[in-house]
Amino acid sequence: MKGVMVLGLIICMIGGCTTLHPIANAPSDLSQRFGDGGVLQPGDRVIITTLAGAKHRFRVRSVRDGVIYGDRDSVAFSDIASIDRRDFSSPKTAILVVVIAGVVGAIAAATRSASHPNVGL
């Protein structure tokens, strides 16, 4: 049971290893910055906000012909108000590892003290 709780905690915290970085906020510079595919690469996870205010979340499959393509979605440069790319965050990952180690240690200590024969005397 305790192992399941720790596993659940780890799964819930996995999102803490990434952070959003704005990479474009002006539609006029999109074609210059993304035309060569150098800023976004296949596999990048992005959140694109359109001029209409809609948010598109997807993994980039390709960038070509003035369009950013995902597996099931695509957005034209002319419709983009801003783009945020999800990047790996070393500090957040380090904090996550320390927290998980602390939780596992606390659970192990609680389990040992609860099973000790002198507890409650």
PDB file of N, CA and C in Angstrom:
ATOM      1  N   MET A   1       0.826  -1.195   0.000  1.00  0.00           N
ATOM      2  CA  MET A   1       0.000   0.000   0.000  1.00  0.00           C
ATOM      3  C   MET A   1       0.869   1.257   0.000  1.00  0.00           C
ATOM      4  N   LYS A   2       1.888   1.281   0.849  1.00  0.00           N
ATOM      5  CA  LYS A   2       2.764   2.447   0.923  1.00  0.00           C
ATOM      6  C   LYS A   2       3.556   2.620  -0.357  1.00  0.00           C
ATOM      7  N   GLY A   3       3.948   1.503  -0.960  1.00  0.00           N
ATOM      8  CA  GLY A   3       4.658   1.562  -2.235  1.00  0.00           C
ATOM      9  C   GLY A   3       3.794   2.173  -3.324  1.00  0.00           C
ATOM     10  N   VAL A   4       2.499   1.855  -3.291  1.00  0.00           N
ATOM     11  CA  VAL A   4       1.572   2.412  -4.274  1.00  0.00           C
ATOM     12  C   VAL A   4       1.438   3.915  -4.075  1.00  0.00           C
ATOM     13  N   MET A   5       1.413   4.343  -2.808  1.00  0.00           N
ATOM     14  CA  MET A   5       1.321   5.780  -2.530  1.00  0.00           C
ATOM     15  C   MET A   5       2.551   6.510  -3.037  1.00  0.00           C
ATOM     16  N   VAL A   6       3.727   5.948  -2.820  1.00  0.00           N
ATOM     17  CA  VAL A   6       4.970   6.573  -3.283  1.00  0.00           C
ATOM     18  C   VAL A   6       4.978   6.631  -4.804  1.00  0.00           C
ATOM     19  N   LEU A   7       4.585   5.544  -5.449  1.00  0.00           N
ATOM     20  CA  LEU A   7       4.526   5.523  -6.910  1.00  0.00           C
ATOM     21  C   LEU A   7       3.554   6.572  -7.426  1.00  0.00           C
ATOM     22  N   GLY A   8       2.401   6.703  -6.798  1.00  0.00           N
ATOM     23  CA  GLY A   8       1.432   7.722  -7.187  1.00  0.00           C
ATOM     24  C   GLY A   8       2.002   9.117  -7.033  1.00  0.00           C
ATOM     25  N   LEU A   9       2.722   9.361  -5.945  1.00  0.00           N
ATOM     26  CA  LEU A   9       3.355  10.655  -5.722  1.00  0.00           C
ATOM     27  C   LEU A   9       4.379  10.959  -6.810  1.00  0.00           C
ATOM     28  N   ILE A  10       5.171   9.967  -7.166  1.00  0.00           N
ATOM     29  CA  ILE A  10       6.183  10.153  -8.212  1.00  0.00           C
ATOM     30  C   ILE A  10       5.512  10.505  -9.535  1.00  0.00           C
ATOM     31  N   ILE A  11       4.467   9.779  -9.880  1.00  0.00           N
ATOM     32  CA  ILE A  11       3.772  10.033 -11.146  1.00  0.00           C
ATOM     33  C   ILE A  11       3.163  11.429 -11.160  1.00  0.00           C
ATOM     34  N   CYS A  12       2.587  11.845 -10.049  1.00  0.00           N
ATOM     35  CA  CYS A  12       1.979  13.181  -9.974  1.00  0.00           C
ATOM     36  C   CYS A  12       3.015  14.290 -10.093  1.00  0.00           C
ATOM     37  N   MET A  13       4.243  14.025  -9.649  1.00  0.00           N
ATOM     38  CA  MET A  13       5.263  15.065  -9.631  1.00  0.00           C
ATOM     39  C   MET A  13       6.115  15.107 -10.889  1.00  0.00           C
ATOM     40  N   ILE A  14       5.926  14.164 -11.807  1.00  0.00           N
ATOM     41  CA  ILE A  14       6.759  14.125 -13.003  1.00  0.00           C
ATOM     42  C   ILE A  14       6.668  15.428 -13.791  1.00  0.00           C
ATOM     43  N   GLY A  15       5.500  16.037 -13.825  1.00  0.00           N
ATOM     44  CA  GLY A  15       5.339  17.312 -14.529  1.00  0.00           C
ATOM     45  C   GLY A  15       6.203  18.415 -13.945  1.00  0.00           C
ATOM     46  N   GLY A  16       6.696  18.238 -12.748  1.00  0.00           N
ATOM     47  CA  GLY A  16       7.556  19.227 -12.120  1.00  0.00           C
ATOM     48  C   GLY A  16       8.950  19.288 -12.713  1.00  0.00           C
ATOM     49  N   CYS A  17       9.286  18.375 -13.595  1.00  0.00           N
ATOM     50  CA  CYS A  17      10.613  18.349 -14.195  1.00  0.00           C
ATOM     51  C   CYS A  17      10.721  19.227 -15.433  1.00  0.00           C
ATOM     52  N   THR A  18       9.644  19.848 -15.808  1.00  0.00           N
ATOM     53  CA  THR A  18       9.665  20.699 -17.000  1.00  0.00           C
ATOM     54  C   THR A  18       9.184  22.095 -16.637  1.00  0.00           C
ATOM     55  N   THR A  19       9.521  23.026 -17.497  1.00  0.00           N
ATOM     56  CA  THR A  19       9.070  24.395 -17.310  1.00  0.00           C
ATOM     57  C   THR A  19       8.763  24.993 -18.673  1.00  0.00           C
ATOM     58  N   LEU A  20       7.866  25.963 -18.711  1.00  0.00           N
ATOM     59  CA  LEU A  20       7.511  26.618 -19.967  1.00  0.00           C
ATOM     60  C   LEU A  20       8.432  27.803 -20.224  1.00  0.00           C
ATOM     61  N   HIS A  21       8.920  27.885 -21.457  1.00  0.00           N
ATOM     62  CA  HIS A  21       9.745  29.008 -21.874  1.00  0.00           C
ATOM     63  C   HIS A  21       9.100  29.673 -23.071  1.00  0.00           C
ATOM     64  N   PRO A  22       8.780  30.970 -22.960  1.00  0.00           N
ATOM     65  CA  PRO A  22       8.236  31.651 -24.135  1.00  0.00           C
ATOM     66  C   PRO A  22       9.307  31.744 -25.213  1.00  0.00           C
ATOM     67  N   ILE A  23       8.935  31.412 -26.448  1.00  0.00           N
ATOM     68  CA  ILE A  23       9.911  31.490 -27.532  1.00  0.00           C
ATOM     69  C   ILE A  23       9.488  32.439 -28.633  1.00  0.00           C
ATOM     70  N   ALA A  24       8.244  32.865 -28.615  1.00  0.00           N
ATOM     71  CA  ALA A  24       7.808  33.851 -29.608  1.00  0.00           C
ATOM     72  C   ALA A  24       6.563  34.545 -29.100  1.00  0.00           C
ATOM     73  N   ASN A  25       6.559  35.861 -29.215  1.00  0.00           N
ATOM     74  CA  ASN A  25       5.398  36.637 -28.808  1.00  0.00           C
ATOM     75  C   ASN A  25       4.972  37.645 -29.860  1.00  0.00           C
ATOM     76  N   ALA A  26       5.575  37.605 -31.012  1.00  0.00           N
ATOM     77  CA  ALA A  26       5.216  38.549 -32.066  1.00  0.00           C
ATOM     78  C   ALA A  26       5.068  37.798 -33.388  1.00  0.00           C
ATOM     79  N   PRO A  27       3.878  37.787 -33.955  1.00  0.00           N
ATOM     80  CA  PRO A  27       3.671  37.051 -35.196  1.00  0.00           C
ATOM     81  C   PRO A  27       4.585  37.498 -36.331  1.00  0.00           C
ATOM     82  N   SER A  28       5.042  38.741 -36.310  1.00  0.00           N
ATOM     83  CA  SER A  28       5.857  39.251 -37.417  1.00  0.00           C
ATOM     84  C   SER A  28       7.211  38.558 -37.517  1.00  0.00           C
ATOM     85  N   ASP A  29       7.780  38.096 -36.397  1.00  0.00           N
ATOM     86  CA  ASP A  29       9.097  37.470 -36.459  1.00  0.00           C
ATOM     87  C   ASP A  29       9.037  35.943 -36.547  1.00  0.00           C
ATOM     88  N   LEU A  30       7.844  35.373 -36.607  1.00  0.00           N
ATOM     89  CA  LEU A  30       7.730  33.920 -36.648  1.00  0.00           C
ATOM     90  C   LEU A  30       8.344  33.317 -37.899  1.00  0.00           C
ATOM     91  N   SER A  31       8.051  33.895 -39.044  1.00  0.00           N
ATOM     92  CA  SER A  31       8.561  33.287 -40.273  1.00  0.00           C
ATOM     93  C   SER A  31      10.088  33.345 -40.314  1.00  0.00           C
ATOM     94  N   GLN A  32      10.687  34.388 -39.762  1.00  0.00           N
ATOM     95  CA  GLN A  32      12.145  34.478 -39.727  1.00  0.00           C
ATOM     96  C   GLN A  32      12.733  33.479 -38.737  1.00  0.00           C
ATOM     97  N   ARG A  33      12.098  33.338 -37.591  1.00  0.00           N
ATOM     98  CA  ARG A  33      12.658  32.494 -36.532  1.00  0.00           C
ATOM     99  C   ARG A  33      12.382  31.012 -36.743  1.00  0.00           C
ATOM    100  N   PHE A  34      11.276  30.685 -37.426  1.00  0.00           N
ATOM    101  CA  PHE A  34      10.900  29.281 -37.547  1.00  0.00           C
ATOM    102  C   PHE A  34      11.022  28.748 -38.964  1.00  0.00           C
ATOM    103  N   GLY A  35      11.326  29.612 -39.898  1.00  0.00           N
ATOM    104  CA  GLY A  35      11.390  29.183 -41.290  1.00  0.00           C
ATOM    105  C   GLY A  35      12.408  28.089 -41.539  1.00  0.00           C
ATOM    106  N   ASP A  36      13.519  28.125 -40.809  1.00  0.00           N
ATOM    107  CA  ASP A  36      14.550  27.113 -41.018  1.00  0.00           C
ATOM    108  C   ASP A  36      14.389  25.916 -40.090  1.00  0.00           C
ATOM    109  N   GLY A  37      13.392  25.953 -39.208  1.00  0.00           N
ATOM    110  CA  GLY A  37      13.172  24.853 -38.281  1.00  0.00           C
ATOM    111  C   GLY A  37      14.167  24.825 -37.143  1.00  0.00           C
ATOM    112  N   GLY A  38      14.949  25.884 -36.975  1.00  0.00           N
ATOM    113  CA  GLY A  38      15.989  25.897 -35.955  1.00  0.00           C
ATOM    114  C   GLY A  38      15.496  26.127 -34.544  1.00  0.00           C
ATOM    115  N   VAL A  39      14.375  26.815 -34.380  1.00  0.00           N
ATOM    116  CA  VAL A  39      13.895  27.131 -33.041  1.00  0.00           C
ATOM    117  C   VAL A  39      13.075  25.988 -32.467  1.00  0.00           C
ATOM    118  N   LEU A  40      12.187  25.443 -33.251  1.00  0.00           N
ATOM    119  CA  LEU A  40      11.391  24.292 -32.836  1.00  0.00           C
ATOM    120  C   LEU A  40      11.875  23.057 -33.574  1.00  0.00           C
ATOM    121  N   GLN A  41      11.987  21.991 -32.863  1.00  0.00           N
ATOM    122  CA  GLN A  41      12.437  20.729 -33.435  1.00  0.00           C
ATOM    123  C   GLN A  41      11.341  19.684 -33.259  1.00  0.00           C
ATOM    124  N   PRO A  42      11.309  18.679 -34.118  1.00  0.00           N
ATOM    125  CA  PRO A  42      10.358  17.588 -33.907  1.00  0.00           C
ATOM    126  C   PRO A  42      10.546  16.996 -32.509  1.00  0.00           C
ATOM    127  N   GLY A  43       9.434  16.788 -31.831  1.00  0.00           N
ATOM    128  CA  GLY A  43       9.465  16.261 -30.472  1.00  0.00           C
ATOM    129  C   GLY A  43       9.279  17.315 -29.404  1.00  0.00           C
ATOM    130  N   ASP A  44       9.483  18.600 -29.738  1.00  0.00           N
ATOM    131  CA  ASP A  44       9.259  19.668 -28.762  1.00  0.00           C
ATOM    132  C   ASP A  44       7.791  19.695 -28.364  1.00  0.00           C
ATOM    133  N   ARG A  45       7.546  19.899 -27.069  1.00  0.00           N
ATOM    134  CA  ARG A  45       6.170  20.058 -26.582  1.00  0.00           C
ATOM    135  C   ARG A  45       5.894  21.541 -26.455  1.00  0.00           C
ATOM    136  N   VAL A  46       4.804  22.004 -27.068  1.00  0.00           N
ATOM    137  CA  VAL A  46       4.511  23.425 -27.101  1.00  0.00           C
ATOM    138  C   VAL A  46       3.072  23.710 -26.679  1.00  0.00           C
ATOM    139  N   ILE A  47       2.871  24.933 -26.235  1.00  0.00           N
ATOM    140  CA  ILE A  47       1.539  25.485 -26.029  1.00  0.00           C
ATOM    141  C   ILE A  47       1.487  26.738 -26.880  1.00  0.00           C
ATOM    142  N   ILE A  48       0.636  26.717 -27.880  1.00  0.00           N
ATOM    143  CA  ILE A  48       0.506  27.838 -28.808  1.00  0.00           C
ATOM    144  C   ILE A  48      -0.812  28.540 -28.521  1.00  0.00           C
ATOM    145  N   THR A  49      -0.736  29.851 -28.304  1.00  0.00           N
ATOM    146  CA  THR A  49      -1.931  30.664 -28.131  1.00  0.00           C
ATOM    147  C   THR A  49      -2.175  31.404 -29.435  1.00  0.00           C
ATOM    148  N   THR A  50      -3.381  31.270 -29.966  1.00  0.00           N
ATOM    149  CA  THR A  50      -3.704  31.925 -31.235  1.00  0.00           C
ATOM    150  C   THR A  50      -4.202  33.343 -30.983  1.00  0.00           C
ATOM    151  N   LEU A  51      -4.300  34.107 -32.055  1.00  0.00           N
ATOM    152  CA  LEU A  51      -4.815  35.469 -31.958  1.00  0.00           C
ATOM    153  C   LEU A  51      -6.253  35.478 -31.453  1.00  0.00           C
ATOM    154  N   ALA A  52      -6.992  34.402 -31.707  1.00  0.00           N
ATOM    155  CA  ALA A  52      -8.378  34.285 -31.242  1.00  0.00           C
ATOM    156  C   ALA A  52      -8.455  33.876 -29.769  1.00  0.00           C
ATOM    157  N   GLY A  53      -7.303  33.551 -29.155  1.00  0.00           N
ATOM    158  CA  GLY A  53      -7.266  33.192 -27.745  1.00  0.00           C
ATOM    159  C   GLY A  53      -7.314  31.700 -27.466  1.00  0.00           C
ATOM    160  N   ALA A  54      -7.404  30.879 -28.492  1.00  0.00           N
ATOM    161  CA  ALA A  54      -7.424  29.423 -28.303  1.00  0.00           C
ATOM    162  C   ALA A  54      -6.019  28.925 -27.972  1.00  0.00           C
ATOM    163  N   LYS A  55      -5.954  27.904 -27.125  1.00  0.00           N
ATOM    164  CA  LYS A  55      -4.660  27.298 -26.775  1.00  0.00           C
ATOM    165  C   LYS A  55      -4.584  25.921 -27.412  1.00  0.00           C
ATOM    166  N   HIS A  56      -3.458  25.666 -28.055  1.00  0.00           N
ATOM    167  CA  HIS A  56      -3.192  24.367 -28.682  1.00  0.00           C
ATOM    168  C   HIS A  56      -1.979  23.774 -27.975  1.00  0.00           C
ATOM    169  N   ARG A  57      -2.134  22.566 -27.438  1.00  0.00           N
ATOM    170  CA  ARG A  57      -1.041  21.859 -26.758  1.00  0.00           C
ATOM    171  C   ARG A  57      -0.736  20.604 -27.554  1.00  0.00           C
ATOM    172  N   PHE A  58       0.496  20.511 -28.024  1.00  0.00           N
ATOM    173  CA  PHE A  58       0.868  19.312 -28.772  1.00  0.00           C
ATOM    174  C   PHE A  58       2.368  19.177 -28.879  1.00  0.00           C
ATOM    175  N   ARG A  59       2.785  18.002 -29.354  1.00  0.00           N
ATOM    176  CA  ARG A  59       4.187  17.715 -29.624  1.00  0.00           C
ATOM    177  C   ARG A  59       4.426  18.038 -31.092  1.00  0.00           C
ATOM    178  N   VAL A  60       5.460  18.828 -31.368  1.00  0.00           N
ATOM    179  CA  VAL A  60       5.757  19.264 -32.733  1.00  0.00           C
ATOM    180  C   VAL A  60       6.203  18.067 -33.572  1.00  0.00           C
ATOM    181  N   ARG A  61       5.571  17.926 -34.722  1.00  0.00           N
ATOM    182  CA  ARG A  61       5.991  16.901 -35.673  1.00  0.00           C
ATOM    183  C   ARG A  61       6.913  17.509 -36.718  1.00  0.00           C
ATOM    184  N   SER A  62       6.550  18.715 -37.205  1.00  0.00           N
ATOM    185  CA  SER A  62       7.396  19.416 -38.174  1.00  0.00           C
ATOM    186  C   SER A  62       6.982  20.885 -38.246  1.00  0.00           C
ATOM    187  N   VAL A  63       7.894  21.696 -38.801  1.00  0.00           N
ATOM    188  CA  VAL A  63       7.640  23.117 -39.049  1.00  0.00           C
ATOM    189  C   VAL A  63       8.009  23.368 -40.498  1.00  0.00           C
ATOM    190  N   ARG A  64       7.006  23.684 -41.307  1.00  0.00           N
ATOM    191  CA  ARG A  64       7.268  23.935 -42.724  1.00  0.00           C
ATOM    192  C   ARG A  64       6.122  24.713 -43.340  1.00  0.00           C
ATOM    193  N   ASP A  65       6.444  25.429 -44.392  1.00  0.00           N
ATOM    194  CA  ASP A  65       5.446  26.177 -45.173  1.00  0.00           C
ATOM    195  C   ASP A  65       4.587  27.104 -44.318  1.00  0.00           C
ATOM    196  N   GLY A  66       5.185  27.701 -43.296  1.00  0.00           N
ATOM    197  CA  GLY A  66       4.451  28.656 -42.466  1.00  0.00           C
ATOM    198  C   GLY A  66       3.460  28.021 -41.517  1.00  0.00           C
ATOM    199  N   VAL A  67       3.636  26.727 -41.216  1.00  0.00           N
ATOM    200  CA  VAL A  67       2.715  26.017 -40.327  1.00  0.00           C
ATOM    201  C   VAL A  67       3.526  25.147 -39.354  1.00  0.00           C
ATOM    202  N   ILE A  68       3.071  25.112 -38.097  1.00  0.00           N
ATOM    203  CA  ILE A  68       3.639  24.210 -37.107  1.00  0.00           C
ATOM    204  C   ILE A  68       2.688  23.023 -37.008  1.00  0.00           C
ATOM    205  N   TYR A  69       3.192  21.825 -37.312  1.00  0.00           N
ATOM    206  CA  TYR A  69       2.373  20.617 -37.341  1.00  0.00           C
ATOM    207  C   TYR A  69       2.627  19.758 -36.107  1.00  0.00           C
ATOM    208  N   GLY A  70       1.532  19.259 -35.543  1.00  0.00           N
ATOM    209  CA  GLY A  70       1.598  18.263 -34.482  1.00  0.00           C
ATOM    210  C   GLY A  70       1.011  16.973 -35.003  1.00  0.00           C
ATOM    211  N   ASP A  71       0.824  15.985 -34.139  1.00  0.00           N
ATOM    212  CA  ASP A  71       0.256  14.711 -34.572  1.00  0.00           C
ATOM    213  C   ASP A  71      -1.192  14.852 -35.032  1.00  0.00           C
ATOM    214  N   ARG A  72      -1.979  15.628 -34.293  1.00  0.00           N
ATOM    215  CA  ARG A  72      -3.398  15.781 -34.642  1.00  0.00           C
ATOM    216  C   ARG A  72      -3.829  17.229 -34.792  1.00  0.00           C
ATOM    217  N   ASP A  73      -2.894  18.140 -34.757  1.00  0.00           N
ATOM    218  CA  ASP A  73      -3.233  19.566 -34.773  1.00  0.00           C
ATOM    219  C   ASP A  73      -2.155  20.314 -35.539  1.00  0.00           C
ATOM    220  N   SER A  74      -2.507  21.451 -36.077  1.00  0.00           N
ATOM    221  CA  SER A  74      -1.531  22.323 -36.729  1.00  0.00           C
ATOM    222  C   SER A  74      -2.003  23.762 -36.592  1.00  0.00           C
ATOM    223  N   VAL A  75      -1.031  24.684 -36.575  1.00  0.00           N
ATOM    224  CA  VAL A  75      -1.345  26.101 -36.433  1.00  0.00           C
ATOM    225  C   VAL A  75      -0.473  26.883 -37.401  1.00  0.00           C
ATOM    226  N   ALA A  76      -1.113  27.740 -38.183  1.00  0.00           N
ATOM    227  CA  ALA A  76      -0.387  28.592 -39.130  1.00  0.00           C
ATOM    228  C   ALA A  76       0.288  29.736 -38.380  1.00  0.00           C
ATOM    229  N   PHE A  77       1.464  30.156 -38.863  1.00  0.00           N
ATOM    230  CA  PHE A  77       2.179  31.279 -38.250  1.00  0.00           C
ATOM    231  C   PHE A  77       1.280  32.503 -38.134  1.00  0.00           C
ATOM    232  N   SER A  78       0.451  32.746 -39.141  1.00  0.00           N
ATOM    233  CA  SER A  78      -0.386  33.948 -39.164  1.00  0.00           C
ATOM    234  C   SER A  78      -1.442  33.955 -38.063  1.00  0.00           C
ATOM    235  N   ASP A  79      -1.719  32.797 -37.466  1.00  0.00           N
ATOM    236  CA  ASP A  79      -2.723  32.695 -36.401  1.00  0.00           C
ATOM    237  C   ASP A  79      -2.120  32.735 -35.000  1.00  0.00           C
ATOM    238  N   ILE A  80      -0.794  32.775 -34.894  1.00  0.00           N
ATOM    239  CA  ILE A  80      -0.117  32.624 -33.601  1.00  0.00           C
ATOM    240  C   ILE A  80       0.079  33.970 -32.903  1.00  0.00           C
ATOM    241  N   ALA A  81      -0.331  34.007 -31.634  1.00  0.00           N
ATOM    242  CA  ALA A  81      -0.069  35.173 -30.789  1.00  0.00           C
ATOM    243  C   ALA A  81       1.184  34.923 -29.950  1.00  0.00           C
ATOM    244  N   SER A  82       1.352  33.696 -29.412  1.00  0.00           N
ATOM    245  CA  SER A  82       2.544  33.361 -28.634  1.00  0.00           C
ATOM    246  C   SER A  82       2.769  31.858 -28.638  1.00  0.00           C
ATOM    247  N   ILE A  83       4.025  31.480 -28.395  1.00  0.00           N
ATOM    248  CA  ILE A  83       4.399  30.073 -28.307  1.00  0.00           C
ATOM    249  C   ILE A  83       5.239  29.879 -27.060  1.00  0.00           C
ATOM    250  N   ASP A  84       4.886  28.873 -26.275  1.00  0.00           N
ATOM    251  CA  ASP A  84       5.677  28.471 -25.112  1.00  0.00           C
ATOM    252  C   ASP A  84       6.131  27.037 -25.341  1.00  0.00           C
ATOM    253  N   ARG A  85       7.420  26.796 -25.139  1.00  0.00           N
ATOM    254  CA  ARG A  85       7.969  25.447 -25.295  1.00  0.00           C
ATOM    255  C   ARG A  85       8.257  24.886 -23.913  1.00  0.00           C
ATOM    256  N   ARG A  86       7.880  23.639 -23.705  1.00  0.00           N
ATOM    257  CA  ARG A  86       8.161  22.958 -22.455  1.00  0.00           C
ATOM    258  C   ARG A  86       9.568  22.393 -22.527  1.00  0.00           C
ATOM    259  N   ASP A  87      10.414  22.819 -21.594  1.00  0.00           N
ATOM    260  CA  ASP A  87      11.804  22.380 -21.553  1.00  0.00           C
ATOM    261  C   ASP A  87      12.090  21.673 -20.239  1.00  0.00           C
ATOM    262  N   PHE A  88      13.078  20.805 -20.268  1.00  0.00           N
ATOM    263  CA  PHE A  88      13.539  20.099 -19.081  1.00  0.00           C
ATOM    264  C   PHE A  88      14.143  21.106 -18.116  1.00  0.00           C
ATOM    265  N   SER A  89      13.848  20.974 -16.849  1.00  0.00           N
ATOM    266  CA  SER A  89      14.352  21.886 -15.833  1.00  0.00           C
ATOM    267  C   SER A  89      15.196  21.114 -14.810  1.00  0.00           C
ATOM    268  N   SER A  90      16.501  21.307 -14.854  1.00  0.00           N
ATOM    269  CA  SER A  90      17.399  20.610 -13.918  1.00  0.00           C
ATOM    270  C   SER A  90      17.113  20.947 -12.455  1.00  0.00           C
ATOM    271  N   PRO A  91      16.909  22.227 -12.098  1.00  0.00           N
ATOM    272  CA  PRO A  91      16.625  22.527 -10.690  1.00  0.00           C
ATOM    273  C   PRO A  91      15.339  21.861 -10.191  1.00  0.00           C
ATOM    274  N   LYS A  92      14.297  21.864 -11.006  1.00  0.00           N
ATOM    275  CA  LYS A  92      13.046  21.237 -10.592  1.00  0.00           C
ATOM    276  C   LYS A  92      13.223  19.729 -10.440  1.00  0.00           C
ATOM    277  N   THR A  93      14.007  19.133 -11.310  1.00  0.00           N
ATOM    278  CA  THR A  93      14.259  17.699 -11.218  1.00  0.00           C
ATOM    279  C   THR A  93      15.037  17.376  -9.958  1.00  0.00           C
ATOM    280  N   ALA A  94      16.028  18.192  -9.625  1.00  0.00           N
ATOM    281  CA  ALA A  94      16.813  17.967  -8.405  1.00  0.00           C
ATOM    282  C   ALA A  94      15.920  18.076  -7.166  1.00  0.00           C
ATOM    283  N   ILE A  95      15.048  19.062  -7.141  1.00  0.00           N
ATOM    284  CA  ILE A  95      14.120  19.214  -6.008  1.00  0.00           C
ATOM    285  C   ILE A  95      13.205  18.000  -5.921  1.00  0.00           C
ATOM    286  N   LEU A  96      12.724  17.540  -7.062  1.00  0.00           N
ATOM    287  CA  LEU A  96      11.846  16.371  -7.097  1.00  0.00           C
ATOM    288  C   LEU A  96      12.551  15.143  -6.517  1.00  0.00           C
ATOM    289  N   VAL A  97      13.801  14.933  -6.887  1.00  0.00           N
ATOM    290  CA  VAL A  97      14.558  13.783  -6.390  1.00  0.00           C
ATOM    291  C   VAL A  97      14.724  13.875  -4.872  1.00  0.00           C
ATOM    292  N   VAL A  98      15.039  15.055  -4.360  1.00  0.00           N
ATOM    293  CA  VAL A  98      15.208  15.234  -2.911  1.00  0.00           C
ATOM    294  C   VAL A  98      13.892  14.978  -2.178  1.00  0.00           C
ATOM    295  N   VAL A  99      12.797  15.499  -2.722  1.00  0.00           N
ATOM    296  CA  VAL A  99      11.489  15.299  -2.083  1.00  0.00           C
ATOM    297  C   VAL A  99      11.116  13.821  -2.070  1.00  0.00           C
ATOM    298  N   ILE A 100      11.299  13.146  -3.204  1.00  0.00           N
ATOM    299  CA  ILE A 100      10.962  11.721  -3.270  1.00  0.00           C
ATOM    300  C   ILE A 100      11.820  10.924  -2.295  1.00  0.00           C
ATOM    301  N   ALA A 101      13.112  11.225  -2.232  1.00  0.00           N
ATOM    302  CA  ALA A 101      13.993  10.524  -1.300  1.00  0.00           C
ATOM    303  C   ALA A 101      13.542  10.764   0.141  1.00  0.00           C
ATOM    304  N   GLY A 102      13.136  11.990   0.450  1.00  0.00           N
ATOM    305  CA  GLY A 102      12.651  12.298   1.798  1.00  0.00           C
ATOM    306  C   GLY A 102      11.376  11.556   2.137  1.00  0.00           C
ATOM    307  N   VAL A 103      10.453  11.492   1.190  1.00  0.00           N
ATOM    308  CA  VAL A 103       9.195  10.787   1.430  1.00  0.00           C
ATOM    309  C   VAL A 103       9.443   9.299   1.623  1.00  0.00           C
ATOM    310  N   VAL A 104      10.273   8.722   0.761  1.00  0.00           N
ATOM    311  CA  VAL A 104      10.588   7.291   0.893  1.00  0.00           C
ATOM    312  C   VAL A 104      11.281   7.033   2.225  1.00  0.00           C
ATOM    313  N   GLY A 105      12.211   7.883   2.621  1.00  0.00           N
ATOM    314  CA  GLY A 105      12.897   7.730   3.903  1.00  0.00           C
ATOM    315  C   GLY A 105      11.932   7.842   5.074  1.00  0.00           C
ATOM    316  N   ALA A 106      11.005   8.792   5.013  1.00  0.00           N
ATOM    317  CA  ALA A 106      10.026   8.966   6.087  1.00  0.00           C
ATOM    318  C   ALA A 106       9.114   7.759   6.203  1.00  0.00           C
ATOM    319  N   ILE A 107       8.699   7.231   5.059  1.00  0.00           N
ATOM    320  CA  ILE A 107       7.838   6.043   5.078  1.00  0.00           C
ATOM    321  C   ILE A 107       8.595   4.845   5.638  1.00  0.00           C
ATOM    322  N   ALA A 108       9.859   4.700   5.228  1.00  0.00           N
ATOM    323  CA  ALA A 108      10.668   3.585   5.741  1.00  0.00           C
ATOM    324  C   ALA A 108      10.870   3.715   7.243  1.00  0.00           C
ATOM    325  N   ALA A 109      11.146   4.929   7.728  1.00  0.00           N
ATOM    326  CA  ALA A 109      11.339   5.142   9.167  1.00  0.00           C
ATOM    327  C   ALA A 109      10.053   4.865   9.940  1.00  0.00           C
ATOM    328  N   ALA A 110       8.927   5.301   9.395  1.00  0.00           N
ATOM    329  CA  ALA A 110       7.642   5.062  10.060  1.00  0.00           C
ATOM    330  C   ALA A 110       7.323   3.576  10.101  1.00  0.00           C
ATOM    331  N   THR A 111       7.642   2.882   9.051  1.00  0.00           N
ATOM    332  CA  THR A 111       7.389   1.436   8.997  1.00  0.00           C
ATOM    333  C   THR A 111       8.255   0.700  10.010  1.00  0.00           C
ATOM    334  N   ARG A 112       9.526   1.092  10.108  1.00  0.00           N
ATOM    335  CA  ARG A 112      10.432   0.448  11.071  1.00  0.00           C
ATOM    336  C   ARG A 112       9.998   0.715  12.505  1.00  0.00           C
ATOM    337  N   SER A 113       9.636   1.965  12.809  1.00  0.00           N
ATOM    338  CA  SER A 113       9.275   2.284  14.187  1.00  0.00           C
ATOM    339  C   SER A 113       7.932   1.659  14.569  1.00  0.00           C
ATOM    340  N   ALA A 114       7.040   1.494  13.614  1.00  0.00           N
ATOM    341  CA  ALA A 114       5.744   0.887  13.912  1.00  0.00           C
ATOM    342  C   ALA A 114       5.884  -0.613  14.166  1.00  0.00           C
ATOM    343  N   SER A 115       6.889  -1.236  13.579  1.00  0.00           N
ATOM    344  CA  SER A 115       7.064  -2.671  13.757  1.00  0.00           C
ATOM    345  C   SER A 115       8.052  -3.008  14.884  1.00  0.00           C
ATOM    346  N   HIS A 116       8.599  -2.003  15.530  1.00  0.00           N
ATOM    347  CA  HIS A 116       9.563  -2.222  16.621  1.00  0.00           C
ATOM    348  C   HIS A 116       8.822  -2.830  17.831  1.00  0.00           C
ATOM    349  N   PRO A 117       9.379  -3.839  18.486  1.00  0.00           N
ATOM    350  CA  PRO A 117       8.669  -4.531  19.576  1.00  0.00           C
ATOM    351  C   PRO A 117       8.475  -3.670  20.821  1.00  0.00           C
ATOM    352  N   ASN A 118       9.260  -2.616  21.029  1.00  0.00           N
ATOM    353  CA  ASN A 118       9.133  -1.801  22.244  1.00  0.00           C
ATOM    354  C   ASN A 118       8.164  -0.631  22.070  1.00  0.00           C
ATOM    355  N   VAL A 119       7.568  -0.471  20.879  1.00  0.00           N
ATOM    356  CA  VAL A 119       6.641   0.630  20.666  1.00  0.00           C
ATOM    357  C   VAL A 119       5.390   0.402  21.499  1.00  0.00           C
ATOM    358  N   GLY A 120       4.961   1.418  22.219  1.00  0.00           N
ATOM    359  CA  GLY A 120       3.729   1.345  22.980  1.00  0.00           C
ATOM    360  C   GLY A 120       3.899   0.811  24.391  1.00  0.00           C
ATOM    361  N   LEU A 121       5.118   0.570  24.845  1.00  0.00           N
ATOM    362  CA  LEU A 121       5.333   0.079  26.202  1.00  0.00           C
ATOM    363  C   LEU A 121       5.513   1.188  27.172  1.00  0.00           C
TER     364      LEU A 121
END
